[in-house]
Each structure stands twice: as C-alpha cells, then as structure tokens.
C-alpha cells in the first residue's frame, strides 16, 4: 500500500486546525456544573423506573409547561440525564458533556459538509475540506453558547435539534443524487424528529420546499412522493404547537402580550442585525466568508447556478432563523433592545452562519460561471493572503482579537477553574447538610465568566414544589434533588 504524502500532510494540517478551534472548548466544558433544568429533569416525580418517569414527564409537560425544544428533548433530558447516571461526582458532568458535544458537533459538521457536497456535486477532497473547515471556523470563533455547550438540558433541545435539522437536509440532498428508498425514509424520520422541536419546524419545512419544489421542480419523483414528507413534517410541528402546555408556560411569565406584528418586526430586525453586527464587530468572520467566496471562484461547480436560487437561498436562511426565534420573542414578550437567551442566539446564529456560508460559496460559483472566471492557484493564494493580512491587521489594531473565543478562553482559564471550584464547594456544603435542613450559604462572589454555566442558586426563599407543579426554580429543584428543605445562597 502506497502512502499519499500530500494527503497525510493535509490530514495533519486540518487535524491541527480543528484542535486549535475546539480544545479550548473542551477545557471550558470540563469545568461544567449542573444548572436549573439539569436538576428539574433528574427528579423522580412518578417512578424510580426511568422509562416510566420519562413517559410521565413528557405527558405532564406537554399538558402543563411545554417549551419549544419539544418532545424528543424531554425524553433525552430525563432518560440519560448525567445527574441521574453519575450524581455529579467530581468532573462527571463536564466529561459527560465533552463526550456528548464531540458526538453532536461532529455530526453537525459532517451534516453541512454533506450538504455542500450534495448541493454542488463536489468530490471529497481538498475543496470540500477547506469549505467545511472555514464554515466551522465561523461558528466556533464568534460566540460561545454556555447554556448549550455546558448545560446538559440545553444540549438535547438546541445542539441535538440542530444536528437533526441539518442531518435531514443532508439526507434530502443525498436522496436527490441516489434516489434510494433508504435515504428517502431516513430523511422523513430525521425531519419528523427535528420538527418535534418547534424552533426547527420552519427551517426543515422551508428548506424542503425550496430544494424540492423550486431547485428540483423539473425532475424527480411524482407529486405525492414529494408532498408526503412535507405533510409528515407539518403534522409533527402542529402536534408541538397545539400543546396545552405552551399556553401554561406563557402564563407563568405573566406578561402583557405585544401584537404579533410587533414580534415579527423585532424578530426579523434582531436576526439580520446580529448577522451584520457580527461581520462588523468580528472582522475575522468576514475573512472566512471571503475565503469561502474565493473557493467558489476558484473551484466552481458542475451544477448550473442561478442567481434567483442564490437570492431564494439567502431568504430561506433568514426566514428559517426568524421562524425559530419568533416563538421566543412572542412567548416572552421580547422588546427590540431586550437581552436574548444565549441558547436562542445559538439557534439563529448557526442557521444564519451556515446558510449564508453556503450562499456565499454559491455566489462565487455563479460569478465563475457567469463571467467565465479562470482563477489560477497563484492568484487565489495571493488574494487569500492579502485578505488575511488586511483583516488580520484590522483585528489586531482594533483589539478585536481578544474577542476570538479560543483566545478569550485561554485568557480566562484561571477564572473558569475558580468558578468551578467555587460552586463545587457550595454543592458539597449542600450535600453535607442534614436531610430536611434549610441551607443558607454565604460567600464572596467570584468574577463572572461567560464560559461557565453556573448552578444558578440565588438568595430567593420560595415555597417547596407541590405535587401539581413538577417543575420549578433551581433552588426548588436542587432542594428536592439533595433532600433538603430549601437552599439559599447569598453572594457578596
């Protein structure tokens, strides 16, 4: 067997690149602590049998307190909760989350890699490796979503939902090429599961309509075979939307509802604004987008690229992000300048960044086809080097390099460790308390760190949860989990 020297070198270069992107994340997640919903989903309200507990929890939440992360997320949150499995011993929560994150984010990367490959009929090789890496770099260097990466209960609803949504589109685009029944069936199953999470309903449905009824309208299956998956996705989504628990959850916020028109405006404004502010405030992301554009100009595609399809792709990207965020904006009565939860930004950012990266590559391919651009490798290297030096200099001169997530995690490494030990000592004190005790803990607070997700104990004194509630604040759920009457943490 002969070794291909260039392939070996390429493998190690990309291995080092991905390691630089994600090893700081591994460090941060290692110091993970359990949070509110981690305790809530670990409680045994109905049974010591975890399967019975899962079934009952799904039923109760669907009827009484239902979130847009949906049915499948509840099943995962309860059934394989790390608190239930390891009781938060040592770094078990962090190690568990590292394993879960590696599996899920590998799946996310492989999914949009397959979307690139299938949409543009790209052969596996350097071109596909480069596009995949720079798209990943956009996602990994811009923002850190602590309540998705570090929070067990954030993972099933958000990052796992993202995996299911992207895997659905990857299977769909693969089916266009193979026409195999197994790919068709897999696409339907993945799509139905993704649509149990209301955030992904519009993304899956709108992208399906675009790809099947617009991009491939002139070829393919009979109408009934095209419509069946869409009907299945809609039914799955409707089951989530009509859940009585949606309205019960909204009532808990006790807000005066703004009009749906106002919520629509705020949602579109925030989604588009965040994307534009990212390009402006984080110059290196513009560098990655320009490199992806250059790769489209250099490599191109055998498929005929139409400008109208590029425009529609950009619209569906923004519309998909809008479709998930509107539920959050309307449900919690968010205003134009109010803070959005990090996990909601995760959803809109990933949809927008991945979608616009694909659109950017398509623009490069379209320019190459439209104007018969024949870009030499030397010209490509000069262009990429010039872009890198220019935007790299801008990043350095403006001090924005400190906002690159990997650099910032390294700078705050001591604070991340300190935060973990600080909260771990508090939990140890709660565990050591007598059963039924009223635990009051006073501490001098540590510095806030965006790369940790704290246990969220606060200084509130709330009544114990009743049999009818089955869900509560961190203080209430943790009290039940640790068999104490109440927990109050006072931070100076």
Protein backbone atom coordinates (compact mmCIF):
# COMPACT_ATOMS: atom_id res chain seq x y z
CA UNK A 1 0.00 0.00 0.00
CA UNK A 2 1.45 3.33 -1.09
CA UNK A 3 1.11 6.38 1.11
CA UNK A 4 -0.07 9.63 -0.43
CA UNK A 5 2.26 12.21 1.09
CA UNK A 6 0.03 15.21 0.26
CA UNK A 7 -2.98 13.50 1.86
CA UNK A 8 -1.05 12.78 5.03
CA UNK A 9 0.17 16.38 5.25
CA UNK A 10 -3.37 17.64 4.56
CA UNK A 11 -4.78 15.40 7.30
CA UNK A 12 -2.36 16.69 9.92
CA UNK A 13 -2.89 20.34 8.90
CA UNK A 14 -6.66 20.03 9.27
CA UNK A 15 -6.28 17.99 12.47
CA UNK A 16 -4.21 20.79 13.99
CA UNK A 17 -6.72 23.37 12.71
CA UNK A 18 -9.70 21.65 14.32
CA UNK A 19 -7.71 21.06 17.50
CA UNK A 20 -6.96 24.78 17.76
CA UNK A 21 -10.65 25.53 17.31
CA UNK A 22 -12.06 23.04 19.81
CA UNK A 23 -9.50 22.19 22.51
CA UNK A 24 -10.28 25.46 24.37
CA UNK A 25 -13.95 24.39 24.33
CA UNK A 26 -13.01 21.03 25.84
CA UNK A 27 -11.15 22.85 28.62
CA UNK A 28 -14.12 25.08 29.37
CA UNK A 29 -16.73 22.31 29.25
CA UNK A 30 -14.61 20.13 31.57
CA UNK A 31 -15.41 22.64 34.33
CA UNK A 32 -19.16 22.34 33.79
CA UNK A 33 -21.62 22.48 36.69
CA UNK A 34 -25.26 21.33 36.76
CA UNK A 35 -27.88 24.04 36.23
CA UNK A 36 -31.59 24.58 36.83
CA UNK A 37 -33.15 22.18 34.33
CA UNK A 38 -30.47 19.57 34.96
CA UNK A 39 -31.92 19.21 38.47
CA UNK A 40 -35.52 19.54 37.29
CA UNK A 41 -35.20 16.67 34.82
CA UNK A 42 -33.25 14.46 37.25
CA UNK A 43 -36.05 14.38 39.83
CA UNK A 44 -38.19 11.28 40.21
CA UNK A 45 -41.73 12.59 40.45
CA UNK A 46 -43.59 9.47 39.38
CA UNK A 47 -41.29 6.47 39.48
CA UNK A 48 -37.81 5.11 40.17
CA UNK A 49 -38.10 3.47 36.78
CA UNK A 50 -36.51 5.97 34.43
CA UNK A 51 -38.63 4.89 31.43
CA UNK A 52 -41.88 5.35 33.32
CA UNK A 53 -40.61 8.68 34.65
CA UNK A 54 -39.74 9.79 31.11
CA UNK A 55 -43.19 8.89 29.76
CA UNK A 56 -44.96 10.67 32.61
CA UNK A 57 -42.72 13.74 32.33
CA UNK A 58 -43.46 14.06 28.61
CA UNK A 59 -47.19 13.80 29.30
CA UNK A 60 -47.15 16.31 32.15
CA UNK A 61 -45.00 18.88 30.37
CA UNK A 62 -47.00 18.61 27.14
CA UNK A 63 -50.15 19.40 29.08
CA UNK A 64 -48.83 21.91 31.63
CA UNK A 65 -45.46 23.53 30.92
CA UNK A 66 -44.22 22.96 27.39
CA UNK A 67 -41.17 24.60 25.86
CA UNK A 68 -40.33 24.95 22.20
CA UNK A 69 -37.48 22.43 22.47
CA UNK A 70 -40.18 19.77 22.26
CA UNK A 71 -40.99 16.14 22.95
CA UNK A 72 -37.75 14.44 21.93
CA UNK A 73 -35.69 16.85 24.02
CA UNK A 74 -37.70 15.96 27.13
CA UNK A 75 -37.14 12.25 26.52
CA UNK A 76 -33.37 12.74 26.26
CA UNK A 77 -33.21 15.24 29.13
CA UNK A 78 -34.85 12.77 31.51
CA UNK A 79 -33.76 9.37 30.22
CA UNK A 80 -29.99 9.89 30.12
CA UNK A 81 -29.55 12.85 32.46
CA UNK A 82 -25.93 12.77 33.74
CA UNK A 83 -27.10 13.69 37.24
CA UNK A 84 -29.22 10.55 37.26
CA UNK A 85 -26.32 8.46 35.99
CA UNK A 86 -23.34 9.92 37.89
CA UNK A 87 -24.80 12.11 40.66
CA UNK A 88 -22.43 14.97 39.73
CA UNK A 89 -19.40 13.18 41.17
CA UNK A 90 -16.20 15.16 40.51
CA UNK A 91 -15.98 16.28 36.91
CA UNK A 92 -18.52 13.70 35.69
CA UNK A 93 -20.89 16.39 34.37
CA UNK A 94 -18.11 18.04 32.38
CA UNK A 95 -16.72 14.78 30.98
CA UNK A 96 -20.24 13.67 30.05
CA UNK A 97 -20.84 16.96 28.25
CA UNK A 98 -17.50 16.73 26.42
CA UNK A 99 -18.46 13.31 25.05
CA UNK A 100 -21.96 14.50 24.11
CA UNK A 101 -20.65 17.68 22.47
CA UNK A 102 -17.97 15.85 20.48
CA UNK A 103 -20.57 13.44 19.09
CA UNK A 104 -23.15 16.11 18.29
CA UNK A 105 -20.89 18.78 16.85
CA UNK A 106 -19.05 16.19 14.75
CA UNK A 107 -22.48 15.28 13.40
CA UNK A 108 -23.33 18.94 12.74
CA UNK A 109 -20.07 19.49 10.84
CA UNK A 110 -20.46 16.28 8.83
CA UNK A 111 -24.05 17.25 8.00
CA UNK A 112 -23.29 20.63 6.47
CA UNK A 113 -20.26 19.08 4.79
CA UNK A 114 -22.65 16.63 3.11
CA UNK A 115 -24.98 19.48 2.17
CA UNK A 116 -22.11 21.24 0.39
CA UNK A 117 -21.06 18.01 -1.28
CA UNK A 118 -24.54 17.06 -2.49
CA UNK A 119 -25.81 20.51 -3.46
CA UNK A 120 -22.75 21.42 -5.51
CA UNK A 121 -21.76 17.88 -6.56
CA UNK A 122 -18.31 18.26 -5.02
CA UNK A 123 -15.99 15.28 -4.86
CA UNK A 124 -14.46 14.57 -1.47
CA UNK A 125 -11.06 16.20 -1.34
CA UNK A 126 -9.24 19.42 -0.56
CA UNK A 127 -12.04 21.68 -1.84
CA UNK A 128 -14.64 20.09 0.42
CA UNK A 129 -12.22 20.02 3.37
CA UNK A 130 -11.47 23.74 3.01
CA UNK A 131 -15.11 24.83 2.71
CA UNK A 132 -16.07 22.69 5.70
CA UNK A 133 -13.22 23.99 7.84
CA UNK A 134 -13.84 27.69 7.19
CA UNK A 135 -17.58 27.28 7.77
CA UNK A 136 -16.75 25.57 11.06
CA UNK A 137 -14.33 28.39 11.92
CA UNK A 138 -17.14 30.94 11.51
CA UNK A 139 -19.26 29.03 14.02
CA UNK A 140 -16.50 28.27 16.52
CA UNK A 141 -14.72 31.62 16.79
CA UNK A 142 -17.56 34.15 17.01
CA UNK A 143 -19.72 33.32 20.04
CA UNK A 144 -19.73 30.89 22.96
CA UNK A 145 -23.12 29.44 23.93
CA UNK A 146 -22.57 28.29 27.50
CA UNK A 147 -26.12 27.10 28.08
CA UNK A 148 -25.79 24.80 25.04
CA UNK A 149 -22.19 23.59 25.39
CA UNK A 150 -22.07 23.35 29.21
CA UNK A 151 -25.69 22.76 30.14
CA UNK A 152 -26.98 19.21 29.80
CA UNK A 153 -30.59 20.29 29.40
CA UNK A 154 -29.59 22.81 26.76
CA UNK A 155 -27.96 20.17 24.58
CA UNK A 156 -30.97 17.96 23.67
CA UNK A 157 -33.14 20.93 22.77
CA UNK A 158 -30.62 23.04 20.88
CA UNK A 159 -27.42 21.42 19.61
CA UNK A 160 -29.06 18.00 19.15
CA UNK A 161 -32.01 19.70 17.46
CA UNK A 162 -29.54 21.47 15.16
CA UNK A 163 -27.95 18.13 14.31
CA UNK A 164 -31.32 16.59 13.44
CA UNK A 165 -32.32 19.58 11.29
CA UNK A 166 -29.07 19.66 9.32
CA UNK A 167 -28.96 15.87 9.01
CA UNK A 168 -32.47 16.00 7.49
CA UNK A 169 -31.30 18.38 4.77
CA UNK A 170 -28.10 16.35 4.25
CA UNK A 171 -30.17 13.19 3.67
CA UNK A 172 -32.56 15.09 1.39
CA UNK A 173 -29.75 16.38 -0.81
CA UNK A 174 -28.22 12.91 -0.85
CA UNK A 175 -31.54 11.45 -1.98
CA UNK A 176 -31.56 13.80 -4.97
CA UNK A 177 -28.42 12.04 -6.17
CA UNK A 178 -29.06 8.42 -5.13
CA UNK A 179 -32.87 8.11 -5.36
CA UNK A 180 -32.56 5.29 -2.84
CA UNK A 181 -35.56 4.46 -0.66
CA UNK A 182 -33.39 4.21 2.46
CA UNK A 183 -32.27 7.85 2.04
CA UNK A 184 -35.88 8.95 1.47
CA UNK A 185 -37.10 7.14 4.59
CA UNK A 186 -34.16 8.36 6.68
CA UNK A 187 -34.85 11.94 5.61
CA UNK A 188 -38.50 11.67 6.70
CA UNK A 189 -37.64 10.11 10.08
CA UNK A 190 -34.95 12.70 10.82
CA UNK A 191 -37.23 15.54 9.73
CA UNK A 192 -40.13 14.37 11.90
CA UNK A 193 -37.80 14.11 14.90
CA UNK A 194 -36.35 17.56 14.17
CA UNK A 195 -39.86 19.02 13.98
CA UNK A 196 -40.68 17.81 17.49
CA UNK A 197 -38.59 20.88 18.32
CA UNK A 198 -40.64 23.92 17.29
CA UNK A 199 -37.55 26.03 16.57
CA UNK A 200 -36.67 23.78 13.63
CA UNK A 201 -40.14 23.48 12.05
CA UNK A 202 -39.74 26.44 9.69
CA UNK A 203 -36.12 25.59 8.91
CA UNK A 204 -36.90 22.00 7.89
CA UNK A 205 -40.16 22.84 6.11
CA UNK A 206 -38.98 25.95 4.25
CA UNK A 207 -35.68 24.36 3.17
CA UNK A 208 -37.54 21.24 2.00
CA UNK A 209 -39.93 23.34 -0.10
CA UNK A 210 -37.04 25.34 -1.60
CA UNK A 211 -34.97 22.30 -2.53
CA UNK A 212 -37.79 20.02 -3.71
CA UNK A 213 -40.33 22.35 -5.28
CA UNK A 214 -38.02 25.11 -6.59
CA UNK A 215 -34.47 23.84 -7.15
CA UNK A 216 -35.58 20.38 -8.35
CA UNK A 217 -39.08 21.08 -9.63
CA UNK A 218 -38.34 19.94 -13.18
CA UNK A 219 -37.15 16.48 -12.19
CA UNK A 220 -37.57 13.84 -9.59
CA UNK A 221 -40.50 11.96 -8.07
CA UNK A 222 -44.22 12.14 -8.52
CA UNK A 223 -46.03 14.89 -6.67
CA UNK A 224 -47.41 12.56 -3.98
CA UNK A 225 -43.93 11.36 -3.09
CA UNK A 226 -42.70 14.94 -2.84
CA UNK A 227 -45.62 16.05 -0.68
CA UNK A 228 -45.62 13.15 1.80
CA UNK A 229 -42.50 14.21 3.76
CA UNK A 230 -43.73 17.80 3.99
CA UNK A 231 -47.08 16.62 5.37
CA UNK A 232 -45.24 14.48 7.95
CA UNK A 233 -43.12 17.48 8.99
CA UNK A 234 -46.19 19.70 9.30
CA UNK A 235 -48.09 17.15 11.40
CA UNK A 236 -45.09 16.75 13.71
CA UNK A 237 -44.82 20.52 14.09
CA UNK A 238 -48.54 21.05 14.65
CA UNK A 239 -48.53 18.48 17.48
CA UNK A 240 -45.97 20.68 19.24
CA UNK A 241 -47.70 23.98 18.51
CA UNK A 242 -51.10 22.90 19.86
CA UNK A 243 -49.66 21.57 23.14
CA UNK A 244 -51.75 22.97 26.03
CA UNK A 245 -48.51 23.35 27.99
CA UNK A 246 -47.38 26.11 25.61
CA UNK A 247 -50.04 28.42 26.96
CA UNK A 248 -49.43 27.30 30.54
CA UNK A 249 -45.76 28.19 30.16
CA UNK A 250 -46.58 31.59 28.65
CA UNK A 251 -48.97 32.35 31.51
CA UNK A 252 -46.15 31.77 34.00
CA UNK A 253 -44.38 34.86 32.66
CA UNK A 254 -47.50 36.94 33.40
CA UNK A 255 -46.75 39.43 30.61
CA UNK A 256 -48.93 41.80 28.64
CA UNK A 257 -48.65 40.38 25.13
CA UNK A 258 -47.46 42.70 22.40
CA UNK A 259 -49.06 42.30 18.99
CA UNK A 260 -47.83 39.56 16.66
CA UNK A 261 -46.91 42.26 14.14
CA UNK A 262 -44.52 43.85 16.63
CA UNK A 263 -42.97 40.47 17.41
CA UNK A 264 -42.47 39.78 13.69
CA UNK A 265 -40.68 43.10 13.21
CA UNK A 266 -38.48 42.62 16.29
CA UNK A 267 -37.54 39.08 15.23
CA UNK A 268 -36.51 39.98 11.67
CA UNK A 269 -34.65 43.03 12.93
CA UNK A 270 -32.71 41.09 15.57
CA UNK A 271 -31.78 38.18 13.28
CA UNK A 272 -30.49 40.42 10.48
CA UNK A 273 -28.88 42.90 12.89
CA UNK A 274 -26.93 40.19 14.72
CA UNK A 275 -25.53 38.84 11.46
CA UNK A 276 -24.47 42.29 10.26
CA UNK A 277 -23.03 43.29 13.64
CA UNK A 278 -21.04 40.06 13.69
CA UNK A 279 -19.43 40.92 10.34
CA UNK A 280 -18.71 44.45 11.56
CA UNK A 281 -17.58 43.71 15.11
CA UNK A 282 -15.71 40.47 14.45
CA UNK A 283 -13.63 41.17 11.32
CA UNK A 284 -12.15 37.66 11.12
CA UNK A 285 -15.61 36.26 10.26
CA UNK A 286 -15.65 38.47 7.17
CA UNK A 287 -12.25 36.96 6.32
CA UNK A 288 -13.70 33.44 6.47
CA UNK A 289 -16.68 34.41 4.31
CA UNK A 290 -14.36 35.99 1.72
CA UNK A 291 -12.20 32.86 1.68
CA UNK A 292 -15.32 30.74 1.06
CA UNK A 293 -16.26 33.13 -1.77
CA UNK A 294 -12.75 32.76 -3.22
CA UNK A 295 -13.03 28.97 -3.07
CA UNK A 296 -16.25 29.20 -5.07
CA UNK A 297 -14.48 31.40 -7.63
CA UNK A 298 -11.54 29.02 -7.88
CA UNK A 299 -13.20 25.61 -7.81
CA UNK A 300 -16.72 26.34 -9.04
CA UNK A 301 -19.22 23.54 -9.57
CA UNK A 302 -20.51 21.36 -12.38
CA UNK A 303 -24.07 22.33 -11.48
CA UNK A 304 -25.68 25.33 -13.14
CA UNK A 305 -26.05 28.08 -10.53
CA UNK A 306 -28.89 30.57 -10.99
CA UNK A 307 -28.87 33.98 -9.31
CA UNK A 308 -32.54 33.69 -8.38
CA UNK A 309 -31.79 30.49 -6.48
CA UNK A 310 -29.00 32.22 -4.55
CA UNK A 311 -31.41 35.01 -3.56
CA UNK A 312 -34.05 32.46 -2.54
CA UNK A 313 -31.44 30.57 -0.52
CA UNK A 314 -30.49 33.73 1.38
CA UNK A 315 -34.17 34.49 2.03
CA UNK A 316 -34.92 30.98 3.29
CA UNK A 317 -31.87 31.18 5.58
CA UNK A 318 -33.11 34.37 7.25
CA UNK A 319 -36.70 33.12 7.22
CA UNK A 320 -35.64 29.87 8.92
CA UNK A 321 -33.82 31.75 11.68
CA UNK A 322 -36.86 34.01 12.01
CA UNK A 323 -39.21 31.03 12.27
CA UNK A 324 -37.46 29.69 15.34
CA UNK A 325 -36.87 33.00 17.11
CA UNK A 326 -40.41 34.39 16.66
CA UNK A 327 -41.77 31.80 19.13
CA UNK A 328 -39.33 33.02 21.76
CA UNK A 329 -39.93 36.72 21.07
CA UNK A 330 -43.71 36.44 21.20
CA UNK A 331 -43.82 33.90 24.04
CA UNK A 332 -41.63 36.00 26.33
CA UNK A 333 -42.72 39.40 25.01
CA UNK A 334 -39.19 40.41 24.00
CA UNK A 335 -38.58 44.04 23.00
CA UNK A 336 -36.24 45.48 20.40
CA UNK A 337 -33.37 46.01 22.85
CA UNK A 338 -34.00 43.30 25.46
CA UNK A 339 -31.46 40.57 26.06
CA UNK A 340 -31.92 37.27 24.24
CA UNK A 341 -31.05 33.96 25.89
CA UNK A 342 -27.72 32.57 24.69
CA UNK A 343 -29.37 29.35 23.52
CA UNK A 344 -31.77 31.30 21.27
CA UNK A 345 -28.81 33.14 19.74
CA UNK A 346 -27.20 29.72 19.18
CA UNK A 347 -30.14 28.64 17.04
CA UNK A 348 -30.35 31.80 14.95
CA UNK A 349 -26.56 32.16 14.61
CA UNK A 350 -25.93 28.60 13.45
CA UNK A 351 -28.80 28.68 10.94
CA UNK A 352 -27.73 32.08 9.63
CA UNK A 353 -23.98 31.45 9.51
CA UNK A 354 -24.22 28.02 7.87
CA UNK A 355 -26.88 29.16 5.42
CA UNK A 356 -25.03 32.32 4.44
CA UNK A 357 -21.74 30.41 4.08
CA UNK A 358 -23.45 28.10 1.57
CA UNK A 359 -24.95 31.14 -0.20
CA UNK A 360 -21.52 32.81 -0.27
CA UNK A 361 -19.94 29.76 -1.89
CA UNK A 362 -22.80 29.68 -4.42
CA UNK A 363 -22.14 33.35 -5.28
CA UNK A 364 -18.51 32.52 -6.01
CA UNK A 365 -19.57 29.60 -8.24
CA UNK A 366 -22.14 31.81 -10.03
CA UNK A 367 -19.57 34.55 -10.74
CA UNK A 368 -17.18 31.91 -12.10
CA UNK A 369 -19.86 30.55 -14.44
CA UNK A 370 -21.38 33.88 -15.42
CA UNK A 371 -18.13 35.64 -16.28
CA UNK A 372 -16.07 32.56 -17.16
CA UNK A 373 -13.54 33.31 -14.41
CA UNK A 374 -10.44 31.12 -14.60
CA UNK A 375 -8.65 31.81 -11.32
CA UNK A 376 -5.11 30.48 -11.12
CA UNK A 377 -3.91 28.89 -7.91
CA UNK A 378 -1.22 31.57 -7.54
CA UNK A 379 -3.84 34.32 -7.87
CA UNK A 380 -6.05 32.55 -5.31
CA UNK A 381 -3.16 32.31 -2.85
CA UNK A 382 -2.26 35.99 -3.34
CA UNK A 383 -5.90 37.02 -2.87
CA UNK A 384 -6.41 34.91 0.26
CA UNK A 385 -3.07 36.10 1.69
CA UNK A 386 -4.00 39.73 1.04
CA UNK A 387 -7.45 39.32 2.60
CA UNK A 388 -5.95 37.53 5.60
CA UNK A 389 -3.27 40.16 6.16
CA UNK A 390 -5.70 43.05 5.75
CA UNK A 391 -8.46 41.75 8.01
CA UNK A 392 -5.89 40.23 10.37
CA UNK A 393 -4.28 43.65 10.77
CA UNK A 394 -7.71 45.20 11.37
CA UNK A 395 -8.45 42.58 14.02
CA UNK A 396 -5.15 43.28 15.78
CA UNK A 397 -5.23 47.09 15.53
CA UNK A 398 -8.78 47.30 16.88
CA UNK A 399 -8.02 44.84 19.69
CA UNK A 400 -10.83 42.58 18.43
CA UNK A 401 -8.54 39.55 18.57
CA UNK A 402 -9.33 39.36 22.30
CA UNK A 403 -12.92 38.53 21.32
CA UNK A 404 -11.91 35.43 19.38
CA UNK A 405 -13.41 32.73 21.57
CA UNK A 406 -10.35 30.49 21.72
CA UNK A 407 -8.07 33.35 22.77
CA UNK A 408 -10.57 34.63 25.31
CA UNK A 409 -10.98 31.20 26.92
CA UNK A 410 -7.20 30.94 27.35
CA UNK A 411 -7.12 34.43 28.87
CA UNK A 412 -9.85 33.48 31.36
CA UNK A 413 -8.61 29.97 32.16
CA UNK A 414 -7.99 30.80 35.83
CA UNK A 415 -11.45 32.31 36.24
CA UNK A 416 -13.06 29.25 34.63
CA UNK A 417 -11.29 26.94 37.09
CA UNK A 418 -12.04 29.23 40.03
CA UNK A 419 -15.74 29.34 39.15
CA UNK A 420 -15.95 25.56 39.10
CA UNK A 421 -14.28 25.10 42.50
CA UNK A 422 -16.32 27.94 43.98
CA UNK A 423 -19.66 26.35 43.03
CA UNK A 424 -18.44 22.83 43.71
CA UNK A 425 -17.71 23.79 47.32
CA UNK A 426 -21.22 25.22 47.62
CA UNK A 427 -22.74 22.00 46.30
CA UNK A 428 -20.57 19.94 48.65
CA UNK A 429 -21.93 22.00 51.56
CA UNK A 430 -25.50 21.35 50.39
CA UNK A 431 -24.79 17.61 50.09
CA UNK A 432 -23.29 17.53 53.60
CA UNK A 433 -26.40 19.17 55.12
CA UNK A 434 -28.86 17.05 57.07
CA UNK A 435 -31.96 15.81 55.27
CA UNK A 436 -34.75 18.37 55.50
CA UNK A 437 -32.43 21.22 56.50
CA UNK A 438 -32.81 24.85 55.47
CA UNK A 439 -29.43 25.50 53.91
CA UNK A 440 -28.11 29.07 53.93
CA UNK A 441 -24.67 29.69 52.42
CA UNK A 442 -22.81 32.99 52.32
CA UNK A 443 -19.86 33.58 50.03
CA UNK A 444 -17.85 36.38 48.48
CA UNK A 445 -18.66 36.07 44.79
CA UNK A 446 -16.08 35.23 42.13
CA UNK A 447 -15.70 37.11 38.86
CA UNK A 448 -18.32 36.43 36.24
CA UNK A 449 -17.19 34.30 33.32
CA UNK A 450 -19.11 33.78 30.04
CA UNK A 451 -17.54 30.34 29.60
CA UNK A 452 -19.17 28.78 32.64
CA UNK A 453 -22.81 27.96 33.29
CA UNK A 454 -23.43 28.28 37.00
CA UNK A 455 -25.71 26.24 39.21
CA UNK A 456 -27.89 29.33 39.49
CA UNK A 457 -28.62 29.10 43.21
CA UNK A 458 -29.77 32.52 44.39
CA UNK A 459 -30.93 34.26 47.55
CA UNK A 460 -34.64 33.65 47.00
CA UNK A 461 -36.75 31.79 49.53
CA UNK A 462 -39.51 30.03 47.66
CA UNK A 463 -42.12 27.52 48.87
CA UNK A 464 -41.46 23.85 48.22
CA UNK A 465 -42.84 22.48 44.99
CA UNK A 466 -46.24 20.84 45.23
CA UNK A 467 -47.29 17.55 43.65
CA UNK A 468 -49.08 19.52 40.92
CA UNK A 469 -46.06 21.57 39.82
CA UNK A 470 -43.36 19.07 38.78
CA UNK A 471 -41.08 21.92 37.77
CA UNK A 472 -39.55 24.94 39.48
CA UNK A 473 -36.55 27.17 40.05
CA UNK A 474 -33.02 25.93 40.59
CA UNK A 475 -33.30 26.45 44.35
CA UNK A 476 -36.52 24.42 44.49
CA UNK A 477 -35.45 21.56 42.19
CA UNK A 478 -31.99 21.26 43.72
CA UNK A 479 -33.57 21.20 47.20
CA UNK A 480 -35.62 18.18 46.20
CA UNK A 481 -32.65 16.54 44.48
CA UNK A 482 -30.39 16.92 47.54
CA UNK A 483 -33.19 16.08 50.04
CA UNK A 484 -33.10 19.42 51.88
CA UNK A 485 -36.00 21.73 52.62
CA UNK A 486 -34.52 24.83 50.99
CA UNK A 487 -31.32 26.30 49.58
CA UNK A 488 -30.37 29.95 49.77
CA UNK A 489 -27.01 31.22 48.53
CA UNK A 490 -26.11 34.81 49.40
CA UNK A 491 -23.25 36.27 47.37
CA UNK A 492 -21.50 39.48 48.39
